[in-house]
């Protein structure tokens, strides 16, 4: 091969949880969950063309600095739900929290970041009305993505 393969995207992130059903209930209180696939000891929360895999393990290992980011259509609504659920928002300039198994989650709003989905995927998710901020559009242009 003359060149290494290029990264195209993230198919999924796998999280260790102590109980798949409890994890689905926890995330379902914070986010509107779409389809959820299942295998023994695992659940797959679908997000259009990507998913989160919840993997049940006997002793989940919490993350200290490692985290993963979720993109939402309304970050303030997540902040409000976390407060209502008694989930601590971690200190700092971002919206980070830990799930009951120690996984660190960072929440960002679709309109504010370079991440984008093609219109057909957004339509399929019922999110065709999402817009980008002028700053996010400029960042997409700067990276040659618009």
Protein backbone atom coordinates (compact mmCIF):
# COMPACT_ATOMS: atom_id res chain seq x y z
CA UNK A 1 0.00 0.00 0.00
CA UNK A 2 1.42 3.39 -0.97
CA UNK A 3 -0.32 5.33 1.80
CA UNK A 4 -2.00 4.59 5.12
CA UNK A 5 -5.81 4.48 5.18
CA UNK A 6 -7.55 7.71 6.14
CA UNK A 7 -9.84 7.99 9.12
CA UNK A 8 -13.40 8.51 7.93
CA UNK A 9 -15.35 8.75 11.18
CA UNK A 10 -16.36 6.99 14.35
CA UNK A 11 -18.69 4.04 14.00
CA UNK A 12 -19.26 3.67 17.73
CA UNK A 13 -17.93 4.18 21.24
CA UNK A 14 -18.11 1.30 23.72
CA UNK A 15 -18.81 2.04 27.38
CA UNK A 16 -18.38 -0.33 30.29
CA UNK A 17 -21.44 -0.40 32.54
CA UNK A 18 -22.40 -2.54 35.51
CA UNK A 19 -25.93 -3.23 34.25
CA UNK A 20 -27.18 -2.66 30.70
CA UNK A 21 -30.82 -2.09 31.72
CA UNK A 22 -29.84 0.44 34.41
CA UNK A 23 -27.58 2.19 31.89
CA UNK A 24 -30.39 2.39 29.33
CA UNK A 25 -32.69 3.81 31.99
CA UNK A 26 -30.07 6.38 33.06
CA UNK A 27 -29.29 7.57 29.53
CA UNK A 28 -32.99 7.44 28.65
CA UNK A 29 -33.75 9.96 31.40
CA UNK A 30 -31.19 12.41 29.97
CA UNK A 31 -31.47 11.87 26.20
CA UNK A 32 -34.26 10.86 23.85
CA UNK A 33 -33.13 7.40 22.76
CA UNK A 34 -34.00 6.08 19.33
CA UNK A 35 -33.64 2.47 18.36
CA UNK A 36 -31.71 0.22 20.71
CA UNK A 37 -30.21 -3.01 19.43
CA UNK A 38 -29.40 -5.82 21.82
CA UNK A 39 -27.11 -8.79 22.24
CA UNK A 40 -26.49 -10.73 25.44
CA UNK A 41 -24.76 -8.34 27.86
CA UNK A 42 -24.82 -5.45 25.37
CA UNK A 43 -27.08 -2.70 24.06
CA UNK A 44 -26.52 -0.44 21.07
CA UNK A 45 -28.01 3.06 21.23
CA UNK A 46 -28.41 4.20 17.64
CA UNK A 47 -27.76 7.80 16.58
CA UNK A 48 -28.49 7.79 12.86
CA UNK A 49 -25.35 6.43 11.22
CA UNK A 50 -23.46 5.94 14.51
CA UNK A 51 -24.09 4.25 17.86
CA UNK A 52 -22.97 3.84 21.45
CA UNK A 53 -22.34 0.31 22.65
CA UNK A 54 -23.09 -0.40 26.31
CA UNK A 55 -21.11 -3.41 27.45
CA UNK A 56 -22.00 -5.03 30.76
CA UNK A 57 -18.92 -5.93 32.81
CA UNK A 58 -18.51 -7.07 36.39
CA UNK A 59 -16.21 -4.21 37.42
CA UNK A 60 -16.38 -1.15 35.16
CA UNK A 61 -13.25 1.00 35.31
CA UNK A 62 -14.05 4.72 35.67
CA UNK A 63 -12.41 7.26 33.40
CA UNK A 64 -10.47 10.10 34.98
CA UNK A 65 -9.50 12.30 32.02
CA UNK A 66 -10.71 10.15 29.13
CA UNK A 67 -14.13 11.09 27.84
CA UNK A 68 -16.33 10.92 24.82
CA UNK A 69 -18.47 13.66 23.34
CA UNK A 70 -22.12 13.49 22.43
CA UNK A 71 -23.73 15.93 20.03
CA UNK A 72 -27.25 17.12 20.88
CA UNK A 73 -29.74 19.52 19.41
CA UNK A 74 -30.24 21.37 22.74
CA UNK A 75 -27.36 21.48 25.25
CA UNK A 76 -29.24 23.65 27.75
CA UNK A 77 -32.00 21.05 27.94
CA UNK A 78 -29.39 18.43 28.86
CA UNK A 79 -28.01 20.73 31.56
CA UNK A 80 -31.53 21.19 32.96
CA UNK A 81 -32.23 17.45 32.94
CA UNK A 82 -28.92 16.66 34.65
CA UNK A 83 -29.80 19.15 37.41
CA UNK A 84 -33.29 17.65 37.81
CA UNK A 85 -31.79 14.15 37.98
CA UNK A 86 -29.21 15.24 40.57
CA UNK A 87 -26.31 14.44 38.24
CA UNK A 88 -23.29 16.61 39.00
CA UNK A 89 -21.92 18.70 36.15
CA UNK A 90 -18.14 18.55 36.39
CA UNK A 91 -16.23 21.81 36.94
CA UNK A 92 -14.87 23.57 33.88
CA UNK A 93 -16.05 25.46 30.83
CA UNK A 94 -17.78 22.49 29.19
CA UNK A 95 -20.86 20.40 29.95
CA UNK A 96 -19.24 17.23 31.30
CA UNK A 97 -20.72 14.68 33.69
CA UNK A 98 -20.10 11.10 34.79
CA UNK A 99 -22.58 8.28 34.42
CA UNK A 100 -23.10 5.95 37.39
CA UNK A 101 -20.23 3.71 36.16
CA UNK A 102 -17.67 6.51 35.96
CA UNK A 103 -17.78 7.13 32.20
CA UNK A 104 -17.10 10.81 31.53
CA UNK A 105 -19.51 12.30 28.99
CA UNK A 106 -19.08 15.68 27.30
CA UNK A 107 -22.12 17.25 25.64
CA UNK A 108 -21.83 19.69 22.74
CA UNK A 109 -24.53 21.34 20.66
CA UNK A 110 -24.80 20.47 16.95
CA UNK A 111 -25.12 24.12 15.91
CA UNK A 112 -21.81 25.10 17.53
CA UNK A 113 -19.33 22.55 16.19
CA UNK A 114 -17.71 21.40 12.96
CA UNK A 115 -19.32 17.94 13.18
CA UNK A 116 -22.09 17.55 10.63
CA UNK A 117 -24.36 14.91 9.16
CA UNK A 118 -25.55 14.72 5.58
CA UNK A 119 -29.10 15.99 5.00
CA UNK A 120 -30.49 12.50 4.32
CA UNK A 121 -29.26 11.22 7.70
CA UNK A 122 -30.64 14.30 9.48
CA UNK A 123 -34.00 13.76 7.75
CA UNK A 124 -34.00 10.12 8.77
CA UNK A 125 -33.41 11.19 12.37
CA UNK A 126 -36.17 13.82 12.23
CA UNK A 127 -33.61 16.61 12.66
CA UNK A 128 -33.77 18.29 9.25
CA UNK A 129 -34.32 21.73 10.85
CA UNK A 130 -30.97 21.85 12.68
CA UNK A 131 -28.81 24.81 11.72
CA UNK A 132 -25.16 25.72 12.26
CA UNK A 133 -23.91 28.89 13.94
CA UNK A 134 -21.94 31.33 11.77
CA UNK A 135 -18.78 30.29 13.65
CA UNK A 136 -19.35 26.59 12.98
CA UNK A 137 -20.06 27.32 9.30
CA UNK A 138 -16.82 29.30 9.07
CA UNK A 139 -14.90 26.45 10.69
CA UNK A 140 -16.39 24.02 8.16
CA UNK A 141 -15.28 26.38 5.36
CA UNK A 142 -11.80 26.74 6.89
CA UNK A 143 -11.42 22.96 6.85
CA UNK A 144 -12.67 22.73 3.26
CA UNK A 145 -15.80 20.86 4.34
CA UNK A 146 -18.35 23.29 2.87
